[in-house]
Amino acid sequence: MSTSTRVRPVKAIALRPRSTAAIALAVVAGVLAFCWPLFMSADSALAGNPVAPLVLGLLLPVILAVVLVEISEGGLDPKAVAMLGVLSAVGAALRPLGAGTAGLETVFFLLVLAGRVFGAGFGFVLGATTLFGSALITGGVGPWLPYQMLAAALVGLGAGLLPPLGGRAEVLLLATYGLVAGLLYGLLMNLSFWPFTVGEDTQLSFVAGAPVAENLHRFVVYSVTTALGWDLVRGITNFVLIVVTGPAILATLRRAARKAAFR
């Protein structure tokens, strides 16, 4: 395939206006779920309350369920469901190979490539189902799981929204996206627990009611000093795996998409 050939994603899951609105709602709810402590006043009843993220953790699966219902409302192609099941199972099986050791994650590269081939809606659903399946396999079910599912769903969604390219340019684009997505995924997960787990009265602590810029500075310092190494390894792993395996996997998935002829 020449570098001038532009390849567009196959829409394995067609997004209608209502399902598009549901995904947009999930994205907004996700941003609020991750970022709301930054806008909390000092006298808020939620300040320093460890129950707050647990409540949001219970709400996020409900929001994801609403998205899935809206996506399936128009009728899911059985072939798309089968492909979703296969790729979710493969992704769930791949994740324990890295298990996050030193930041090594072996699941996101496949999520990026599949989202690229089958479209944004498919990538969103695949991100959520893959992380859910891997959590069941590895025993990683906990209050952090809904945040992981939503963050992974956003990774798959973004992969399906990348501009059309082909050949080496496409692989380089996807690899760069995988690198950035690995870093952003780590930042989102840090933000989900940082306000409630770091002790008080330190330079890394969250301060309820403080200006957003001040808390963001504290968060950046915390992430750089405690998690940047892990996040970099995740991003670099994505980059290397996509560069090495991307052409073959993209060709295989696109061949499967042509044979499936999704309606």
C-alpha atoms as a PDB file:
ATOM      1  CA  MET A   1       0.000   0.000   0.000  1.00  0.00           C
ATOM      2  CA  SER A   2       1.456   3.361  -0.958  1.00  0.00           C
ATOM      3  CA  THR A   3       1.822   6.167   1.521  1.00  0.00           C
ATOM      4  CA  SER A   4      -0.502   8.293  -0.625  1.00  0.00           C
ATOM      5  CA  THR A   5      -3.438   5.915  -0.243  1.00  0.00           C
ATOM      6  CA  ARG A   6      -5.836   7.167   2.397  1.00  0.00           C
ATOM      7  CA  VAL A   7      -7.669   4.457   4.307  1.00  0.00           C
ATOM      8  CA  ARG A   8     -10.839   5.317   6.190  1.00  0.00           C
ATOM      9  CA  PRO A   9     -12.207   3.227   9.088  1.00  0.00           C
ATOM     10  CA  VAL A  10     -14.935   0.688   8.424  1.00  0.00           C
ATOM     11  CA  LYS A  11     -17.984   1.589  10.489  1.00  0.00           C
ATOM     12  CA  ALA A  12     -18.591  -1.789  12.089  1.00  0.00           C
ATOM     13  CA  ILE A  13     -20.895  -0.043  14.573  1.00  0.00           C
ATOM     14  CA  ALA A  14     -22.855   2.780  12.980  1.00  0.00           C
ATOM     15  CA  LEU A  15     -23.311   5.781  15.251  1.00  0.00           C
ATOM     16  CA  ARG A  16     -26.731   7.361  14.928  1.00  0.00           C
ATOM     17  CA  PRO A  17     -27.599  10.762  16.417  1.00  0.00           C
ATOM     18  CA  ARG A  18     -28.810   9.311  19.733  1.00  0.00           C
ATOM     19  CA  SER A  19     -25.843   6.996  20.163  1.00  0.00           C
ATOM     20  CA  THR A  20     -23.472   9.819  19.227  1.00  0.00           C
ATOM     21  CA  ALA A  21     -25.131  12.002  21.854  1.00  0.00           C
ATOM     22  CA  ALA A  22     -24.813   9.173  24.403  1.00  0.00           C
ATOM     23  CA  ILE A  23     -21.078   8.858  23.739  1.00  0.00           C
ATOM     24  CA  ALA A  24     -20.691  12.627  24.014  1.00  0.00           C
ATOM     25  CA  LEU A  25     -22.519  12.478  27.350  1.00  0.00           C
ATOM     26  CA  ALA A  26     -20.213   9.699  28.514  1.00  0.00           C
ATOM     27  CA  VAL A  27     -17.162  11.760  27.542  1.00  0.00           C
ATOM     28  CA  VAL A  28     -18.449  14.784  29.460  1.00  0.00           C
ATOM     29  CA  ALA A  29     -19.341  12.633  32.464  1.00  0.00           C
ATOM     30  CA  GLY A  30     -15.899  11.061  32.315  1.00  0.00           C
ATOM     31  CA  VAL A  31     -14.170  14.441  32.310  1.00  0.00           C
ATOM     32  CA  LEU A  32     -16.248  15.465  35.320  1.00  0.00           C
ATOM     33  CA  ALA A  33     -15.541  12.171  37.094  1.00  0.00           C
ATOM     34  CA  PHE A  34     -11.792  12.631  36.706  1.00  0.00           C
ATOM     35  CA  CYS A  35     -11.556  16.390  37.219  1.00  0.00           C
ATOM     36  CA  TRP A  36     -14.300  17.405  39.666  1.00  0.00           C
ATOM     37  CA  PRO A  37     -12.020  17.641  42.758  1.00  0.00           C
ATOM     38  CA  LEU A  38     -10.137  20.491  41.083  1.00  0.00           C
ATOM     39  CA  PHE A  39     -13.261  22.642  41.267  1.00  0.00           C
ATOM     40  CA  MET A  40     -14.355  21.660  44.775  1.00  0.00           C
ATOM     41  CA  SER A  41     -14.566  24.318  47.478  1.00  0.00           C
ATOM     42  CA  ALA A  42     -12.751  23.912  50.786  1.00  0.00           C
ATOM     43  CA  ASP A  43     -15.981  23.723  52.794  1.00  0.00           C
ATOM     44  CA  SER A  44     -17.575  21.117  50.537  1.00  0.00           C
ATOM     45  CA  ALA A  45     -18.868  17.980  52.238  1.00  0.00           C
ATOM     46  CA  LEU A  46     -16.982  15.986  49.607  1.00  0.00           C
ATOM     47  CA  ALA A  47     -13.607  17.516  50.423  1.00  0.00           C
ATOM     48  CA  GLY A  48     -11.308  14.692  51.461  1.00  0.00           C
ATOM     49  CA  ASN A  49     -14.213  12.255  51.487  1.00  0.00           C
ATOM     50  CA  PRO A  50     -12.990   8.888  50.134  1.00  0.00           C
ATOM     51  CA  VAL A  51     -16.591   7.829  49.469  1.00  0.00           C
ATOM     52  CA  ALA A  52     -16.962  10.358  46.627  1.00  0.00           C
ATOM     53  CA  PRO A  53     -14.888   8.484  44.008  1.00  0.00           C
ATOM     54  CA  LEU A  54     -16.686   5.264  44.959  1.00  0.00           C
ATOM     55  CA  VAL A  55     -20.046   6.879  44.184  1.00  0.00           C
ATOM     56  CA  LEU A  56     -18.766   8.107  40.842  1.00  0.00           C
ATOM     57  CA  GLY A  57     -17.300   4.664  40.236  1.00  0.00           C
ATOM     58  CA  LEU A  58     -20.817   3.266  40.553  1.00  0.00           C
ATOM     59  CA  LEU A  59     -22.277   5.896  38.233  1.00  0.00           C
ATOM     60  CA  LEU A  60     -19.787   5.397  35.419  1.00  0.00           C
ATOM     61  CA  PRO A  61     -20.892   1.803  34.636  1.00  0.00           C
ATOM     62  CA  VAL A  62     -24.471   3.066  34.440  1.00  0.00           C
ATOM     63  CA  ILE A  63     -23.405   5.716  31.935  1.00  0.00           C
ATOM     64  CA  LEU A  64     -21.457   3.146  29.906  1.00  0.00           C
ATOM     65  CA  ALA A  65     -24.500   0.842  29.961  1.00  0.00           C
ATOM     66  CA  VAL A  66     -26.672   3.663  28.598  1.00  0.00           C
ATOM     67  CA  VAL A  67     -24.179   4.159  25.773  1.00  0.00           C
ATOM     68  CA  LEU A  68     -24.223   0.445  24.933  1.00  0.00           C
ATOM     69  CA  VAL A  69     -28.021   0.388  24.942  1.00  0.00           C
ATOM     70  CA  GLU A  70     -28.206   3.400  22.630  1.00  0.00           C
ATOM     71  CA  ILE A  71     -25.600   1.909  20.282  1.00  0.00           C
ATOM     72  CA  SER A  72     -27.511  -1.384  20.085  1.00  0.00           C
ATOM     73  CA  GLU A  73     -30.885   0.363  19.712  1.00  0.00           C
ATOM     74  CA  GLY A  74     -30.477   0.659  15.965  1.00  0.00           C
ATOM     75  CA  GLY A  75     -29.546  -3.004  15.668  1.00  0.00           C
ATOM     76  CA  LEU A  76     -26.038  -4.359  15.913  1.00  0.00           C
ATOM     77  CA  ASP A  77     -24.692  -6.414  13.054  1.00  0.00           C
ATOM     78  CA  PRO A  78     -24.149  -9.949  14.433  1.00  0.00           C
ATOM     79  CA  LYS A  79     -20.788  -9.990  12.658  1.00  0.00           C
ATOM     80  CA  ALA A  80     -19.786  -6.814  14.520  1.00  0.00           C
ATOM     81  CA  VAL A  81     -20.819  -8.416  17.809  1.00  0.00           C
ATOM     82  CA  ALA A  82     -18.769 -11.509  16.984  1.00  0.00           C
ATOM     83  CA  MET A  83     -15.734  -9.399  16.052  1.00  0.00           C
ATOM     84  CA  LEU A  84     -16.157  -7.392  19.237  1.00  0.00           C
ATOM     85  CA  GLY A  85     -16.247 -10.592  21.287  1.00  0.00           C
ATOM     86  CA  VAL A  86     -13.143 -12.020  19.620  1.00  0.00           C
ATOM     87  CA  LEU A  87     -11.066  -8.857  19.974  1.00  0.00           C
ATOM     88  CA  SER A  88     -12.231  -8.295  23.567  1.00  0.00           C
ATOM     89  CA  ALA A  89     -11.152 -11.839  24.430  1.00  0.00           C
ATOM     90  CA  VAL A  90      -7.783 -11.392  22.719  1.00  0.00           C
ATOM     91  CA  GLY A  91      -7.209  -8.070  24.466  1.00  0.00           C
ATOM     92  CA  ALA A  92      -8.220  -9.506  27.830  1.00  0.00           C
ATOM     93  CA  ALA A  93      -5.795 -12.392  27.298  1.00  0.00           C
ATOM     94  CA  LEU A  94      -2.963 -10.073  26.245  1.00  0.00           C
ATOM     95  CA  ARG A  95      -3.159  -7.792  29.245  1.00  0.00           C
ATOM     96  CA  PRO A  96      -1.901 -10.296  31.858  1.00  0.00           C
ATOM     97  CA  LEU A  97       1.256 -10.735  29.751  1.00  0.00           C
ATOM     98  CA  GLY A  98       2.298  -7.272  30.856  1.00  0.00           C
ATOM     99  CA  ALA A  99       0.049  -6.875  33.898  1.00  0.00           C
ATOM    100  CA  GLY A 100       1.259  -3.294  34.224  1.00  0.00           C
ATOM    101  CA  THR A 101       4.685  -4.439  35.489  1.00  0.00           C
ATOM    102  CA  ALA A 102       6.950  -1.355  35.382  1.00  0.00           C
ATOM    103  CA  GLY A 103       4.282   0.243  33.185  1.00  0.00           C
ATOM    104  CA  LEU A 104       4.396  -2.529  30.561  1.00  0.00           C
ATOM    105  CA  GLU A 105       0.912  -2.809  29.040  1.00  0.00           C
ATOM    106  CA  THR A 106       0.269  -5.144  26.114  1.00  0.00           C
ATOM    107  CA  VAL A 107      -3.386  -4.406  25.495  1.00  0.00           C
ATOM    108  CA  PHE A 108      -3.595  -0.841  24.197  1.00  0.00           C
ATOM    109  CA  PHE A 109      -1.831  -1.362  20.878  1.00  0.00           C
ATOM    110  CA  LEU A 110      -4.531  -3.791  19.746  1.00  0.00           C
ATOM    111  CA  LEU A 111      -7.221  -1.395  20.953  1.00  0.00           C
ATOM    112  CA  VAL A 112      -5.701   1.408  18.861  1.00  0.00           C
ATOM    113  CA  LEU A 113      -5.391  -0.744  15.737  1.00  0.00           C
ATOM    114  CA  ALA A 114      -8.930  -2.162  16.033  1.00  0.00           C
ATOM    115  CA  GLY A 115     -10.418   1.271  16.688  1.00  0.00           C
ATOM    116  CA  ARG A 116      -8.619   2.523  13.596  1.00  0.00           C
ATOM    117  CA  VAL A 117      -9.972  -0.242  11.364  1.00  0.00           C
ATOM    118  CA  PHE A 118     -13.533  -0.611  12.683  1.00  0.00           C
ATOM    119  CA  GLY A 119     -14.335   2.976  13.623  1.00  0.00           C
ATOM    120  CA  ALA A 120     -14.880   5.183  16.657  1.00  0.00           C
ATOM    121  CA  GLY A 121     -18.036   3.497  17.960  1.00  0.00           C
ATOM    122  CA  PHE A 122     -16.444   0.057  17.818  1.00  0.00           C
ATOM    123  CA  GLY A 123     -13.283   1.379  19.478  1.00  0.00           C
ATOM    124  CA  PHE A 124     -15.270   2.938  22.316  1.00  0.00           C
ATOM    125  CA  VAL A 125     -17.150  -0.271  23.088  1.00  0.00           C
ATOM    126  CA  LEU A 126     -14.033  -2.417  22.646  1.00  0.00           C
ATOM    127  CA  GLY A 127     -12.064  -0.335  25.142  1.00  0.00           C
ATOM    128  CA  ALA A 128     -14.707  -0.785  27.830  1.00  0.00           C
ATOM    129  CA  THR A 129     -15.311  -4.498  27.230  1.00  0.00           C
ATOM    130  CA  THR A 130     -11.606  -5.361  26.978  1.00  0.00           C
ATOM    131  CA  LEU A 131     -10.721  -3.759  30.310  1.00  0.00           C
ATOM    132  CA  PHE A 132     -13.758  -5.364  31.927  1.00  0.00           C
ATOM    133  CA  GLY A 133     -12.811  -8.798  30.614  1.00  0.00           C
ATOM    134  CA  SER A 134      -9.175  -8.456  31.640  1.00  0.00           C
ATOM    135  CA  ALA A 135     -10.229  -7.375  35.130  1.00  0.00           C
ATOM    136  CA  LEU A 136     -12.261 -10.566  35.490  1.00  0.00           C
ATOM    137  CA  ILE A 137      -9.297 -12.667  34.346  1.00  0.00           C
ATOM    138  CA  THR A 138      -6.688 -10.964  36.529  1.00  0.00           C
ATOM    139  CA  GLY A 139      -8.901 -10.351  39.567  1.00  0.00           C
ATOM    140  CA  GLY A 140      -8.544  -6.610  39.072  1.00  0.00           C
ATOM    141  CA  VAL A 141     -12.162  -5.768  39.890  1.00  0.00           C
ATOM    142  CA  GLY A 142     -12.398  -2.791  42.213  1.00  0.00           C
ATOM    143  CA  PRO A 143     -13.518   0.843  42.432  1.00  0.00           C
ATOM    144  CA  TRP A 144     -10.818   1.763  39.907  1.00  0.00           C
ATOM    145  CA  LEU A 145     -12.268  -0.481  37.174  1.00  0.00           C
ATOM    146  CA  PRO A 146     -14.987   1.906  35.875  1.00  0.00           C
ATOM    147  CA  TYR A 147     -12.352   4.632  35.494  1.00  0.00           C
ATOM    148  CA  GLN A 148     -10.087   2.216  33.603  1.00  0.00           C
ATOM    149  CA  MET A 149     -12.967   1.144  31.360  1.00  0.00           C
ATOM    150  CA  LEU A 150     -13.899   4.710  30.487  1.00  0.00           C
ATOM    151  CA  ALA A 151     -10.287   5.782  29.906  1.00  0.00           C
ATOM    152  CA  ALA A 152      -9.688   2.780  27.617  1.00  0.00           C
ATOM    153  CA  ALA A 153     -12.960   3.487  25.799  1.00  0.00           C
ATOM    154  CA  LEU A 154     -11.720   7.011  25.093  1.00  0.00           C
ATOM    155  CA  VAL A 155      -8.473   5.577  23.705  1.00  0.00           C
ATOM    156  CA  GLY A 156     -10.418   3.382  21.268  1.00  0.00           C
ATOM    157  CA  LEU A 157     -12.755   6.258  20.381  1.00  0.00           C
ATOM    158  CA  GLY A 158      -9.847   8.546  19.562  1.00  0.00           C
ATOM    159  CA  ALA A 159      -8.188   5.930  17.368  1.00  0.00           C
ATOM    160  CA  GLY A 160     -11.320   5.750  15.237  1.00  0.00           C
ATOM    161  CA  LEU A 161     -11.411   9.543  14.842  1.00  0.00           C
ATOM    162  CA  LEU A 162      -7.855   9.945  13.534  1.00  0.00           C
ATOM    163  CA  PRO A 163      -7.527  11.431  10.027  1.00  0.00           C
ATOM    164  CA  PRO A 164      -7.337   9.009   7.084  1.00  0.00           C
ATOM    165  CA  LEU A 165      -3.822   8.089   5.995  1.00  0.00           C
ATOM    166  CA  GLY A 166      -2.212   5.041   4.467  1.00  0.00           C
ATOM    167  CA  GLY A 167       1.010   3.081   4.379  1.00  0.00           C
ATOM    168  CA  ARG A 168       3.906   4.090   6.597  1.00  0.00           C
ATOM    169  CA  ALA A 169       2.331   7.447   7.400  1.00  0.00           C
ATOM    170  CA  GLU A 170      -0.678   5.683   8.912  1.00  0.00           C
ATOM    171  CA  VAL A 171       1.470   3.357  11.020  1.00  0.00           C
ATOM    172  CA  LEU A 172       3.553   6.300  12.274  1.00  0.00           C
ATOM    173  CA  LEU A 173       0.368   8.234  13.087  1.00  0.00           C
ATOM    174  CA  LEU A 174      -1.074   5.292  15.037  1.00  0.00           C
ATOM    175  CA  ALA A 175       2.219   4.654  16.835  1.00  0.00           C
ATOM    176  CA  THR A 176       2.473   8.311  17.863  1.00  0.00           C
ATOM    177  CA  TYR A 177      -1.147   8.240  18.998  1.00  0.00           C
ATOM    178  CA  GLY A 178      -0.437   5.084  21.012  1.00  0.00           C
ATOM    179  CA  LEU A 179       2.488   6.825  22.704  1.00  0.00           C
ATOM    180  CA  VAL A 180       0.420   9.886  23.620  1.00  0.00           C
ATOM    181  CA  ALA A 181      -2.602   7.774  24.612  1.00  0.00           C
ATOM    182  CA  GLY A 182      -0.433   5.702  26.960  1.00  0.00           C
ATOM    183  CA  LEU A 183       0.726   8.871  28.725  1.00  0.00           C
ATOM    184  CA  LEU A 184      -2.770  10.380  28.912  1.00  0.00           C
ATOM    185  CA  TYR A 185      -4.268   7.129  30.198  1.00  0.00           C
ATOM    186  CA  GLY A 186      -1.758   7.173  33.057  1.00  0.00           C
ATOM    187  CA  LEU A 187      -2.521  10.822  33.843  1.00  0.00           C
ATOM    188  CA  LEU A 188      -6.254  10.140  33.950  1.00  0.00           C
ATOM    189  CA  MET A 189      -5.817   7.189  36.272  1.00  0.00           C
ATOM    190  CA  ASN A 190      -3.515   9.234  38.524  1.00  0.00           C
ATOM    191  CA  LEU A 191      -6.086  12.012  38.642  1.00  0.00           C
ATOM    192  CA  SER A 192      -8.827   9.558  39.634  1.00  0.00           C
ATOM    193  CA  PHE A 193      -7.164   8.720  42.970  1.00  0.00           C
ATOM    194  CA  TRP A 194      -4.577  11.450  43.628  1.00  0.00           C
ATOM    195  CA  PRO A 195      -6.872  13.830  45.580  1.00  0.00           C
ATOM    196  CA  PHE A 196      -7.801  11.078  48.039  1.00  0.00           C
ATOM    197  CA  THR A 197      -4.664   8.991  48.549  1.00  0.00           C
ATOM    198  CA  VAL A 198      -1.794  11.448  49.018  1.00  0.00           C
ATOM    199  CA  GLY A 199      -1.368  12.628  52.602  1.00  0.00           C
ATOM    200  CA  GLU A 200      -2.048  16.203  53.649  1.00  0.00           C
ATOM    201  CA  ASP A 201       0.436  19.051  54.085  1.00  0.00           C
ATOM    202  CA  THR A 202       2.944  17.943  51.445  1.00  0.00           C
ATOM    203  CA  GLN A 203       3.975  19.584  48.189  1.00  0.00           C
ATOM    204  CA  LEU A 204       2.244  16.760  46.344  1.00  0.00           C
ATOM    205  CA  SER A 205      -1.051  16.922  48.250  1.00  0.00           C
ATOM    206  CA  PHE A 206      -4.363  18.003  46.809  1.00  0.00           C
ATOM    207  CA  VAL A 207      -5.705  21.139  48.506  1.00  0.00           C
ATOM    208  CA  ALA A 208      -9.489  21.454  48.401  1.00  0.00           C
ATOM    209  CA  GLY A 209     -10.563  24.965  47.432  1.00  0.00           C
ATOM    210  CA  ALA A 210      -7.144  25.983  46.151  1.00  0.00           C
ATOM    211  CA  PRO A 211      -6.929  27.621  42.701  1.00  0.00           C
ATOM    212  CA  VAL A 212      -7.115  25.153  39.839  1.00  0.00           C
ATOM    213  CA  ALA A 213      -3.670  26.203  38.601  1.00  0.00           C
ATOM    214  CA  GLU A 214      -2.124  25.442  41.999  1.00  0.00           C
ATOM    215  CA  ASN A 215      -3.674  21.982  42.239  1.00  0.00           C
ATOM    216  CA  LEU A 216      -2.728  21.227  38.645  1.00  0.00           C
ATOM    217  CA  HIS A 217       0.858  22.176  39.463  1.00  0.00           C
ATOM    218  CA  ARG A 218       0.809  19.831  42.452  1.00  0.00           C
ATOM    219  CA  PHE A 219      -0.688  17.085  40.315  1.00  0.00           C
ATOM    220  CA  VAL A 220       1.937  17.483  37.594  1.00  0.00           C
ATOM    221  CA  VAL A 221       4.719  17.327  40.185  1.00  0.00           C
ATOM    222  CA  TYR A 222       3.119  14.234  41.720  1.00  0.00           C
ATOM    223  CA  SER A 223       2.755  12.514  38.329  1.00  0.00           C
ATOM    224  CA  VAL A 224       6.296  13.333  37.215  1.00  0.00           C
ATOM    225  CA  THR A 225       7.910  12.190  40.450  1.00  0.00           C
ATOM    226  CA  THR A 226       5.862   9.049  41.055  1.00  0.00           C
ATOM    227  CA  ALA A 227       4.352   7.760  37.800  1.00  0.00           C
ATOM    228  CA  LEU A 228       6.068   9.235  34.747  1.00  0.00           C
ATOM    229  CA  GLY A 229       8.419   6.276  34.385  1.00  0.00           C
ATOM    230  CA  TRP A 230       5.493   3.822  34.305  1.00  0.00           C
ATOM    231  CA  ASP A 231       3.498   5.980  31.884  1.00  0.00           C
ATOM    232  CA  LEU A 232       6.471   6.393  29.547  1.00  0.00           C
ATOM    233  CA  VAL A 233       6.999   2.631  29.431  1.00  0.00           C
ATOM    234  CA  ARG A 234       3.308   2.165  28.598  1.00  0.00           C
ATOM    235  CA  GLY A 235       3.485   4.742  25.813  1.00  0.00           C
ATOM    236  CA  ILE A 236       6.755   3.398  24.398  1.00  0.00           C
ATOM    237  CA  THR A 237       5.358  -0.149  24.510  1.00  0.00           C
ATOM    238  CA  ASN A 238       2.386   1.015  22.452  1.00  0.00           C
ATOM    239  CA  PHE A 239       4.674   2.783  19.978  1.00  0.00           C
ATOM    240  CA  VAL A 240       6.997  -0.189  19.470  1.00  0.00           C
ATOM    241  CA  LEU A 241       4.231  -2.786  19.200  1.00  0.00           C
ATOM    242  CA  ILE A 242       2.287  -0.709  16.670  1.00  0.00           C
ATOM    243  CA  VAL A 243       5.380  -0.059  14.547  1.00  0.00           C
ATOM    244  CA  VAL A 244       6.386  -3.741  14.605  1.00  0.00           C
ATOM    245  CA  THR A 245       2.997  -5.446  14.307  1.00  0.00           C
ATOM    246  CA  GLY A 246       0.807  -2.647  12.953  1.00  0.00           C
ATOM    247  CA  PRO A 247       1.079  -3.329   9.190  1.00  0.00           C
ATOM    248  CA  ALA A 248       0.302  -7.036   9.567  1.00  0.00           C
ATOM    249  CA  ILE A 249      -2.528  -6.578  12.062  1.00  0.00           C
ATOM    250  CA  LEU A 250      -4.101  -3.721  10.089  1.00  0.00           C
ATOM    251  CA  ALA A 251      -4.052  -5.850   6.939  1.00  0.00           C
ATOM    252  CA  THR A 252      -5.576  -8.814   8.786  1.00  0.00           C
ATOM    253  CA  LEU A 253      -8.332  -6.768  10.398  1.00  0.00           C
ATOM    254  CA  ARG A 254      -9.178  -5.011   7.138  1.00  0.00           C
ATOM    255  CA  ARG A 255      -9.349  -8.343   5.337  1.00  0.00           C
ATOM    256  CA  ALA A 256     -11.749  -9.573   8.018  1.00  0.00           C
ATOM    257  CA  ALA A 257     -13.796  -6.372   7.666  1.00  0.00           C
ATOM    258  CA  ARG A 258     -14.111  -6.829   3.895  1.00  0.00           C
ATOM    259  CA  LYS A 259     -15.237 -10.434   4.294  1.00  0.00           C
ATOM    260  CA  ALA A 260     -17.703  -9.514   7.037  1.00  0.00           C
ATOM    261  CA  ALA A 261     -19.290  -6.741   4.933  1.00  0.00           C
ATOM    262  CA  PHE A 262     -20.862  -5.073   7.981  1.00  0.00           C
ATOM    263  CA  ARG A 263     -24.272  -3.604   7.313  1.00  0.00           C
END
